[in-house]
Amino acid sequence: MAVRSVATTDTLETFRTTFNSLGTDVGDVSTLTTTATNVVGAINELNATTYSGFTIVDSGSSTTQAISSGDTLTFAGDSNINAAVTATDTVTFTLNSSISGLSSIDSAAITINSVNVATQPFAIAQAIALG
């Protein structure tokens, strides 16, 4: 929408058409789907009531964080995990092919070269040796 202005030297007809165009630019108040009676009121109502944000929580410590209108939610990776945000509403976490800084592993389903080393612990040396 272009800025509407009327010069002091313009005719009354120019003022009338410019003023009427402003109403078209803003829209018809009777078509509002809110309880507000003017456009500014509708915007304020929308901001205050429609979007209340959401809350995120971690699974480890049950720490919560409110995400409000205007906030940015960042998905952080590290040297071993990448976080990629893509359309539509998708975050993909991937494990790097080379893991560093690992001090322990606790799982019943660790597989090296198709050998479950958790259920066959002596096979780990063989699996690594076979490459």
Protein backbone atom coordinates (compact mmCIF):
# COMPACT_ATOMS: atom_id res chain seq x y z
CA MET A 1 0.00 0.00 0.00
CA ALA A 2 1.38 3.35 -1.00
CA VAL A 3 1.40 6.26 1.39
CA ARG A 4 -1.74 8.35 0.89
CA SER A 5 -1.31 12.11 1.12
CA VAL A 6 -3.16 15.19 -0.03
CA ALA A 7 -1.34 18.42 -0.70
CA THR A 8 -2.79 21.68 0.56
CA THR A 9 -3.12 22.79 -3.08
CA ASP A 10 -5.16 19.69 -4.12
CA THR A 11 -8.88 19.96 -4.87
CA LEU A 12 -11.66 18.68 -2.63
CA GLU A 13 -12.27 15.93 -5.20
CA THR A 14 -8.65 14.74 -4.86
CA PHE A 15 -9.04 14.72 -1.08
CA ARG A 16 -12.30 12.72 -1.36
CA THR A 17 -10.87 10.03 -3.65
CA THR A 18 -7.65 9.75 -1.65
CA PHE A 19 -9.58 9.44 1.62
CA ASN A 20 -11.93 6.79 0.17
CA SER A 21 -8.93 4.83 -1.13
CA LEU A 22 -7.52 4.74 2.38
CA GLY A 23 -10.68 2.96 3.54
CA THR A 24 -10.22 0.39 0.79
CA ASP A 25 -6.58 -0.12 1.78
CA VAL A 26 -7.46 -0.77 5.43
CA GLY A 27 -10.54 -2.89 4.76
CA ASP A 28 -14.18 -3.01 5.77
CA VAL A 29 -14.60 -3.02 9.57
CA SER A 30 -17.89 -4.92 9.20
CA THR A 31 -15.95 -7.96 7.92
CA LEU A 32 -13.81 -8.33 11.08
CA THR A 33 -14.09 -11.80 12.61
CA THR A 34 -13.13 -10.60 16.08
CA THR A 35 -15.15 -8.82 18.76
CA ALA A 36 -13.28 -5.58 18.04
CA THR A 37 -15.02 -2.69 16.33
CA ASN A 38 -11.96 -1.21 14.61
CA VAL A 39 -8.81 -2.46 12.88
CA VAL A 40 -6.41 -1.44 15.65
CA GLY A 41 -8.61 -3.15 18.23
CA ALA A 42 -8.69 -6.32 16.10
CA ILE A 43 -4.89 -6.38 15.84
CA ASN A 44 -4.56 -5.91 19.60
CA GLU A 45 -7.14 -8.61 20.27
CA LEU A 46 -5.39 -11.01 17.94
CA ASN A 47 -2.05 -10.38 19.60
CA ALA A 48 -3.45 -10.76 23.13
CA THR A 49 -5.77 -13.73 22.76
CA THR A 50 -5.20 -15.82 19.66
CA TYR A 51 -1.53 -16.71 19.99
CA SER A 52 -0.59 -17.60 23.53
CA GLY A 53 2.65 -19.39 22.65
CA PHE A 54 3.67 -22.85 23.74
CA THR A 55 5.94 -24.55 26.25
CA ILE A 56 8.84 -26.92 25.62
CA VAL A 57 10.21 -29.38 28.19
CA ASP A 58 13.31 -31.57 28.26
CA SER A 59 13.07 -35.25 29.11
CA GLY A 60 16.02 -35.31 31.48
CA SER A 61 15.26 -32.74 34.15
CA SER A 62 11.70 -31.71 33.17
CA THR A 63 12.91 -28.13 32.77
CA THR A 64 10.30 -26.06 30.95
CA GLN A 65 10.62 -22.95 28.82
CA ALA A 66 7.76 -20.81 27.49
CA ILE A 67 7.97 -19.77 23.85
CA SER A 68 5.98 -16.57 23.30
CA SER A 69 5.11 -14.44 20.31
CA GLY A 70 8.29 -12.95 18.88
CA ASP A 71 10.61 -15.54 20.49
CA THR A 72 12.97 -17.69 18.44
CA LEU A 73 13.33 -21.40 19.20
CA THR A 74 16.86 -22.59 18.40
CA PHE A 75 17.72 -26.26 17.86
CA ALA A 76 21.37 -26.62 18.81
CA GLY A 77 23.68 -29.43 17.83
CA ASP A 78 27.22 -30.09 18.95
CA SER A 79 30.34 -31.75 17.58
CA ASN A 80 28.51 -35.11 17.40
CA ILE A 81 24.92 -34.14 16.54
CA ASN A 82 23.63 -31.89 13.75
CA ALA A 83 20.23 -30.19 13.87
CA ALA A 84 18.67 -29.11 10.55
CA VAL A 85 15.43 -27.12 10.30
CA THR A 86 13.50 -27.62 7.06
CA ALA A 87 10.03 -26.87 5.76
CA THR A 88 7.35 -27.67 6.86
CA ASP A 89 7.68 -27.69 10.67
CA THR A 90 10.48 -30.26 10.64
CA VAL A 91 13.67 -30.58 12.66
CA THR A 92 16.01 -33.43 11.76
CA PHE A 93 18.74 -34.52 14.16
CA THR A 94 21.56 -36.60 12.72
CA LEU A 95 24.47 -38.33 14.41
CA ASN A 96 27.84 -37.56 12.85
CA SER A 97 29.66 -40.49 11.31
CA SER A 98 32.68 -39.83 13.54
CA ILE A 99 31.90 -39.46 17.27
CA SER A 100 34.36 -37.75 19.60
CA GLY A 101 34.45 -37.36 23.38
CA LEU A 102 32.41 -40.51 24.08
CA SER A 103 33.18 -41.91 27.54
CA SER A 104 30.55 -44.67 27.87
CA ILE A 105 27.80 -46.51 26.00
CA ASP A 106 24.79 -48.16 27.65
CA SER A 107 22.43 -49.95 25.28
CA ALA A 108 21.11 -53.44 24.60
CA ALA A 109 21.25 -52.95 20.84
CA ILE A 110 24.73 -51.81 19.86
CA THR A 111 25.67 -53.41 16.54
CA ILE A 112 29.06 -53.50 14.87
CA ASN A 113 29.16 -55.17 11.44
CA SER A 114 25.80 -56.89 12.12
CA VAL A 115 26.97 -58.33 15.48
CA ASN A 116 25.02 -57.24 18.58
CA VAL A 117 27.91 -56.61 20.97
CA ALA A 118 25.58 -56.18 23.96
CA THR A 119 24.33 -59.79 23.71
CA GLN A 120 27.60 -61.19 22.36
CA PRO A 121 30.27 -59.22 24.25
CA PHE A 122 33.16 -61.43 23.16
CA ALA A 123 32.24 -60.83 19.54
CA ILE A 124 33.26 -57.18 19.75
CA ALA A 125 36.93 -57.92 19.18
CA GLN A 126 36.07 -60.18 16.28
CA ALA A 127 33.70 -57.59 14.77
CA ILE A 128 36.31 -54.85 14.99
CA ALA A 129 39.06 -57.14 13.69
CA LEU A 130 36.97 -58.15 10.68
CA GLY A 131 36.40 -54.49 9.86
